[in-house]
Amino acid sequence: MKTFYNEGTKLLQEKKYKEAIINFDSALNIRPAFAKAYYNRATAWLEQKKYPEAINDFTTTIELEPDNANAYFNRGLIYYEQKDEKNALYDFTKTIEKDPKNAEAFFYRGFYRFGMKQYAGAIEDYNKAIDLKPDYVYALNDRASAKQMINDITGALTDYTSASLINPKLPYVWNSIGSMQSLLKNFQAAIAAYDKAIKTDKDYYLAFNNRGIAKLESGDIKGAIDDFSAAINIKNDYAFAYNNRANAKYKLEDYKGAVEDYN
């Protein structure tokens, strides 16, 4: 039995998943209540995206080892991929009960609480995730989003800025920084943030559109029109950019151009 299990584990590490499963099958034929073999076989199924088989084996692992936090967490990840909110939320909560130092479990539960508009609960979970893993960029970004939803714009800006310092190559973080600066009427700071978003992703039409709005607010109407046009060139069905460009053209008394964009 140990020979089959050890060989299966070795093959799993070598990413030879089908061969690993054969060995775990053999181990389980000899010892049907071998939790580690079920867990490793579940992992091999998971790596092949064979989710029903993986769920079955993680569930058996949990039945045999009720305190196995990793089995709950990995089963939760599968439910997350399957968009099964109820079961995923249950598994991430059980993971936290069994292993309160699992930063990722707090992050995923925060994600679901955010989706349920439980923003205070989401922030609490993101706080835990960040306490456990201070450089957790995604938790910082999502905590910022939750703070924004409760109108804590300054707090959101602080979190987005922290995320940008850890990883300056995420265009959506710079775009969010720009949005927060715009809400605070700091339009030049907003433009600078959108510049960085666009530098990171030259096809980021949202950042072009948002920079155009900031330029319009700061009086640079021609610059705004250029940005709205750039957004449209990237995504030619982007209605917001057409509407914004029409507004800018109207300010320049280009009524014909405005009407064309409105239409």
Protein backbone atom coordinates (compact mmCIF):
# COMPACT_ATOMS: atom_id res chain seq x y z
CA MET A 1 0.00 0.00 0.00
CA LYS A 2 2.73 2.47 0.95
CA THR A 3 4.60 1.64 -2.24
CA PHE A 4 1.59 2.61 -4.37
CA TYR A 5 0.95 5.75 -2.30
CA ASN A 6 4.56 6.90 -2.40
CA GLU A 7 4.81 6.27 -6.13
CA GLY A 8 1.54 8.15 -6.68
CA THR A 9 2.80 11.08 -4.63
CA LYS A 10 6.03 11.15 -6.64
CA LEU A 11 4.11 11.10 -9.93
CA LEU A 12 1.80 13.84 -8.64
CA GLN A 13 4.82 16.04 -7.93
CA GLU A 14 6.07 15.30 -11.44
CA LYS A 15 2.66 16.38 -12.82
CA LYS A 16 1.99 12.91 -14.22
CA TYR A 17 -1.57 12.99 -13.02
CA LYS A 18 -3.09 10.00 -14.80
CA GLU A 19 -0.30 7.70 -13.65
CA ALA A 20 -0.56 9.13 -10.13
CA ILE A 21 -4.28 8.34 -10.02
CA ILE A 22 -3.65 4.72 -11.01
CA ASN A 23 -1.28 4.35 -8.07
CA PHE A 24 -3.67 6.02 -5.62
CA ASP A 25 -6.42 3.69 -6.89
CA SER A 26 -4.20 0.74 -6.06
CA ALA A 27 -3.42 2.10 -2.60
CA LEU A 28 -7.12 2.64 -1.88
CA ASN A 29 -8.00 -0.87 -3.07
CA ILE A 30 -5.73 -2.15 -0.32
CA ARG A 31 -6.72 0.42 2.31
CA PRO A 32 -10.12 1.97 1.50
CA ALA A 33 -10.04 4.47 4.40
CA PHE A 34 -6.69 6.05 3.47
CA ALA A 35 -7.42 9.79 3.72
CA LYS A 36 -4.10 10.98 2.32
CA ALA A 37 -4.56 8.88 -0.80
CA TYR A 38 -8.02 10.37 -1.32
CA TYR A 39 -6.64 13.87 -0.84
CA ASN A 40 -3.77 13.36 -3.28
CA ARG A 41 -6.04 11.71 -5.82
CA ALA A 42 -8.42 14.65 -5.49
CA THR A 43 -5.49 16.97 -6.16
CA ALA A 44 -4.63 15.02 -9.31
CA TRP A 45 -8.26 15.27 -10.47
CA LEU A 46 -8.24 18.99 -9.69
CA GLU A 47 -5.10 19.61 -11.70
CA GLN A 48 -6.86 18.04 -14.68
CA LYS A 49 -9.98 20.16 -14.03
CA LYS A 50 -12.04 17.02 -13.46
CA TYR A 51 -14.12 18.75 -10.84
CA PRO A 52 -16.82 16.17 -9.98
CA GLU A 53 -14.18 13.52 -9.27
CA ALA A 54 -12.11 15.99 -7.26
CA ILE A 55 -15.14 17.06 -5.20
CA ASN A 56 -15.96 13.44 -4.42
CA ASP A 57 -12.44 12.71 -3.22
CA PHE A 58 -12.11 15.92 -1.18
CA THR A 59 -15.48 15.12 0.40
CA THR A 60 -14.30 11.62 1.34
CA THR A 61 -11.12 13.14 2.75
CA ILE A 62 -13.22 15.44 4.95
CA GLU A 63 -15.36 12.50 6.11
CA LEU A 64 -12.22 10.66 7.15
CA GLU A 65 -10.37 13.74 8.46
CA PRO A 66 -12.95 16.34 9.57
CA ASP A 67 -10.22 18.83 10.52
CA ASN A 68 -8.50 18.79 7.13
CA ALA A 69 -8.58 22.50 6.30
CA ASN A 70 -6.85 22.04 2.94
CA ALA A 71 -9.54 19.66 1.74
CA TYR A 72 -12.23 22.22 2.58
CA PHE A 73 -10.24 24.99 0.92
CA ASN A 74 -9.55 23.11 -2.30
CA ARG A 75 -13.15 21.95 -2.55
CA GLY A 76 -14.14 25.59 -2.02
CA LEU A 77 -11.92 26.62 -4.93
CA ILE A 78 -13.74 24.16 -7.17
CA TYR A 79 -17.12 25.54 -6.10
CA TYR A 80 -15.69 29.03 -6.78
CA GLU A 81 -14.77 27.97 -10.33
CA GLN A 82 -18.26 26.49 -10.75
CA LYS A 83 -19.85 29.71 -9.44
CA ASP A 84 -21.52 27.73 -6.66
CA GLU A 85 -21.71 30.56 -4.14
CA LYS A 86 -23.46 28.70 -1.32
CA ASN A 87 -21.09 25.74 -1.17
CA ALA A 88 -17.97 27.83 -1.77
CA LEU A 89 -18.87 30.20 1.07
CA TYR A 90 -19.50 27.23 3.37
CA ASP A 91 -16.14 25.64 2.53
CA PHE A 92 -14.12 28.84 2.96
CA THR A 93 -15.82 29.44 6.31
CA LYS A 94 -14.99 25.88 7.39
CA THR A 95 -11.40 26.41 6.23
CA ILE A 96 -11.15 29.46 8.47
CA GLU A 97 -12.57 27.50 11.40
CA LYS A 98 -9.97 24.77 10.94
CA ASP A 99 -7.07 27.03 9.93
CA PRO A 100 -7.50 30.68 11.00
CA LYS A 101 -4.14 31.53 9.40
CA ASN A 102 -5.26 30.81 5.85
CA ALA A 103 -5.14 34.25 4.23
CA GLU A 104 -6.60 33.01 0.94
CA ALA A 105 -9.70 31.60 2.68
CA PHE A 106 -10.38 35.02 4.24
CA PHE A 107 -9.88 36.63 0.83
CA TYR A 108 -12.35 34.35 -0.94
CA ARG A 109 -14.93 34.67 1.82
CA GLY A 110 -14.51 38.43 1.57
CA PHE A 111 -15.14 38.16 -2.15
CA TYR A 112 -18.47 36.44 -1.54
CA ARG A 113 -19.47 38.84 1.22
CA PHE A 114 -18.75 41.72 -1.14
CA GLY A 115 -20.98 40.11 -3.77
CA MET A 116 -23.73 39.80 -1.16
CA LYS A 117 -23.30 43.53 -0.38
CA GLN A 118 -22.07 42.69 3.13
CA TYR A 119 -19.37 45.32 2.84
CA ALA A 120 -18.48 45.53 6.53
CA GLY A 121 -18.06 41.76 6.68
CA ALA A 122 -16.03 41.79 3.47
CA ILE A 123 -13.71 44.47 4.87
CA GLU A 124 -13.31 42.43 8.06
CA ASP A 125 -12.24 39.39 6.03
CA TYR A 126 -9.88 41.43 3.85
CA ASN A 127 -8.38 42.90 7.02
CA LYS A 128 -7.62 39.38 8.24
CA ALA A 129 -6.15 38.38 4.90
CA ILE A 130 -3.89 41.44 4.85
CA ASP A 131 -2.85 40.96 8.50
CA LEU A 132 -1.73 37.45 7.60
CA LYS A 133 -0.19 38.46 4.26
CA PRO A 134 0.70 42.18 4.19
CA ASP A 135 1.68 42.16 0.49
CA TYR A 136 -1.62 40.60 -0.61
CA VAL A 137 -2.33 42.92 -3.54
CA TYR A 138 -5.69 41.43 -4.47
CA ALA A 139 -6.97 41.72 -0.91
CA LEU A 140 -5.85 45.36 -0.78
CA ASN A 141 -7.55 46.05 -4.11
CA ASP A 142 -10.79 44.38 -3.08
CA ARG A 143 -10.80 46.00 0.36
CA ALA A 144 -10.47 49.32 -1.42
CA SER A 145 -13.50 48.44 -3.55
CA ALA A 146 -15.50 47.58 -0.43
CA LYS A 147 -14.47 50.86 1.21
CA GLN A 148 -15.55 52.70 -1.91
CA MET A 149 -18.98 51.08 -1.63
CA ILE A 150 -19.43 52.53 1.86
CA ASN A 151 -18.20 55.91 0.59
CA ASP A 152 -14.84 55.76 2.39
CA ILE A 153 -13.06 57.30 -0.60
CA THR A 154 -9.92 58.30 1.31
CA GLY A 155 -9.59 54.80 2.76
CA ALA A 156 -10.11 53.28 -0.67
CA LEU A 157 -7.45 55.54 -2.18
CA THR A 158 -5.00 54.52 0.55
CA ASP A 159 -5.55 50.83 -0.21
CA TYR A 160 -5.32 51.23 -3.97
CA THR A 161 -2.11 53.20 -3.51
CA SER A 162 -0.66 50.49 -1.27
CA ALA A 163 -1.52 47.91 -3.92
CA SER A 164 0.22 49.99 -6.60
CA LEU A 165 3.39 50.18 -4.51
CA ILE A 166 3.50 46.40 -4.17
CA ASN A 167 2.74 45.74 -7.83
CA PRO A 168 2.92 48.81 -10.11
CA LYS A 169 2.02 46.77 -13.22
CA LEU A 170 -1.71 46.36 -12.59
CA PRO A 171 -3.53 48.85 -14.85
CA TYR A 172 -6.89 48.45 -13.09
CA VAL A 173 -5.30 49.56 -9.81
CA TRP A 174 -4.01 52.77 -11.40
CA ASN A 175 -7.41 53.29 -13.01
CA SER A 176 -9.04 52.96 -9.59
CA ILE A 177 -6.56 55.42 -8.08
CA GLY A 178 -7.54 57.85 -10.83
CA SER A 179 -11.21 57.33 -10.09
CA MET A 180 -10.72 58.01 -6.38
CA GLN A 181 -8.69 61.14 -7.11
CA SER A 182 -11.45 62.31 -9.45
CA LEU A 183 -14.07 61.78 -6.76
CA LEU A 184 -11.90 63.91 -4.47
CA LYS A 185 -11.70 66.55 -7.26
CA ASN A 186 -7.92 66.06 -7.56
CA PHE A 187 -8.05 65.99 -11.34
CA GLN A 188 -4.34 66.42 -12.08
CA ALA A 189 -3.50 63.56 -9.72
CA ALA A 190 -6.25 61.54 -11.42
CA ILE A 191 -4.77 62.23 -14.86
CA ALA A 192 -1.33 61.14 -13.64
CA ALA A 193 -2.81 57.86 -12.38
CA TYR A 194 -4.65 57.24 -15.65
CA ASP A 195 -1.38 57.95 -17.49
CA LYS A 196 0.18 55.06 -15.58
CA ALA A 197 -2.76 52.78 -16.31
CA ILE A 198 -2.42 53.48 -20.02
CA LYS A 199 1.35 53.09 -19.93
CA THR A 200 0.82 49.67 -18.38
CA ASP A 201 -1.90 48.69 -20.90
CA LYS A 202 -2.08 50.78 -24.08
CA ASP A 203 -5.47 49.22 -24.97
CA TYR A 204 -7.14 50.05 -21.67
CA TYR A 205 -10.11 51.96 -23.07
CA LEU A 206 -11.64 52.55 -19.62
CA ALA A 207 -8.57 54.51 -18.57
CA PHE A 208 -8.66 56.60 -21.76
CA ASN A 209 -12.32 57.40 -21.16
CA ASN A 210 -11.76 58.22 -17.50
CA ARG A 211 -8.73 60.37 -18.27
CA GLY A 212 -10.87 62.19 -20.79
CA ILE A 213 -13.43 62.94 -18.08
CA ALA A 214 -10.70 64.24 -15.77
CA LYS A 215 -9.30 66.43 -18.55
CA LEU A 216 -12.75 67.75 -19.29
CA GLU A 217 -13.25 68.61 -15.62
CA SER A 218 -9.90 70.40 -15.56
CA GLY A 219 -10.70 72.45 -18.69
CA ASP A 220 -8.65 70.56 -21.29
CA ILE A 221 -11.53 69.98 -23.70
CA LYS A 222 -9.45 69.11 -26.78
CA GLY A 223 -7.35 66.70 -24.73
CA ALA A 224 -10.55 65.13 -23.43
CA ILE A 225 -11.86 64.65 -26.98
CA ASP A 226 -8.59 62.97 -27.96
CA ASP A 227 -8.94 60.53 -25.06
CA PHE A 228 -12.58 59.75 -25.78
CA SER A 229 -11.62 59.16 -29.42
CA ALA A 230 -8.82 56.84 -28.33
CA ALA A 231 -11.27 54.85 -26.20
CA ILE A 232 -13.63 54.57 -29.18
CA ASN A 233 -10.80 53.47 -31.49
CA ILE A 234 -10.06 50.62 -29.07
CA LYS A 235 -13.72 49.72 -28.45
CA ASN A 236 -15.90 51.17 -31.17
CA ASP A 237 -19.16 50.25 -29.45
CA TYR A 238 -18.30 51.98 -26.17
CA ALA A 239 -21.39 54.14 -25.71
CA PHE A 240 -20.09 56.08 -22.71
CA ALA A 241 -17.12 57.39 -24.69
CA TYR A 242 -19.38 58.55 -27.53
CA ASN A 243 -21.63 60.32 -25.05
CA ASN A 244 -18.69 61.94 -23.28
CA ARG A 245 -17.13 63.05 -26.56
CA ALA A 246 -20.47 64.54 -27.61
CA ASN A 247 -20.58 66.54 -24.38
CA ALA A 248 -17.05 67.80 -25.00
CA LYS A 249 -17.84 68.75 -28.60
CA TYR A 250 -20.92 70.61 -27.42
CA LYS A 251 -18.72 72.67 -25.10
CA LEU A 252 -16.65 73.64 -28.15
CA GLU A 253 -19.88 74.55 -29.97
CA ASP A 254 -19.32 71.73 -32.44
CA TYR A 255 -23.02 70.96 -32.46
CA LYS A 256 -22.96 68.86 -35.61
CA GLY A 257 -20.20 66.65 -34.20
CA ALA A 258 -22.02 66.41 -30.89
CA VAL A 259 -25.25 65.29 -32.57
CA GLU A 260 -23.36 62.65 -34.56
CA ASP A 261 -21.88 61.23 -31.38
CA TYR A 262 -25.15 61.36 -29.48
CA ASN A 263 -26.73 59.37 -32.30
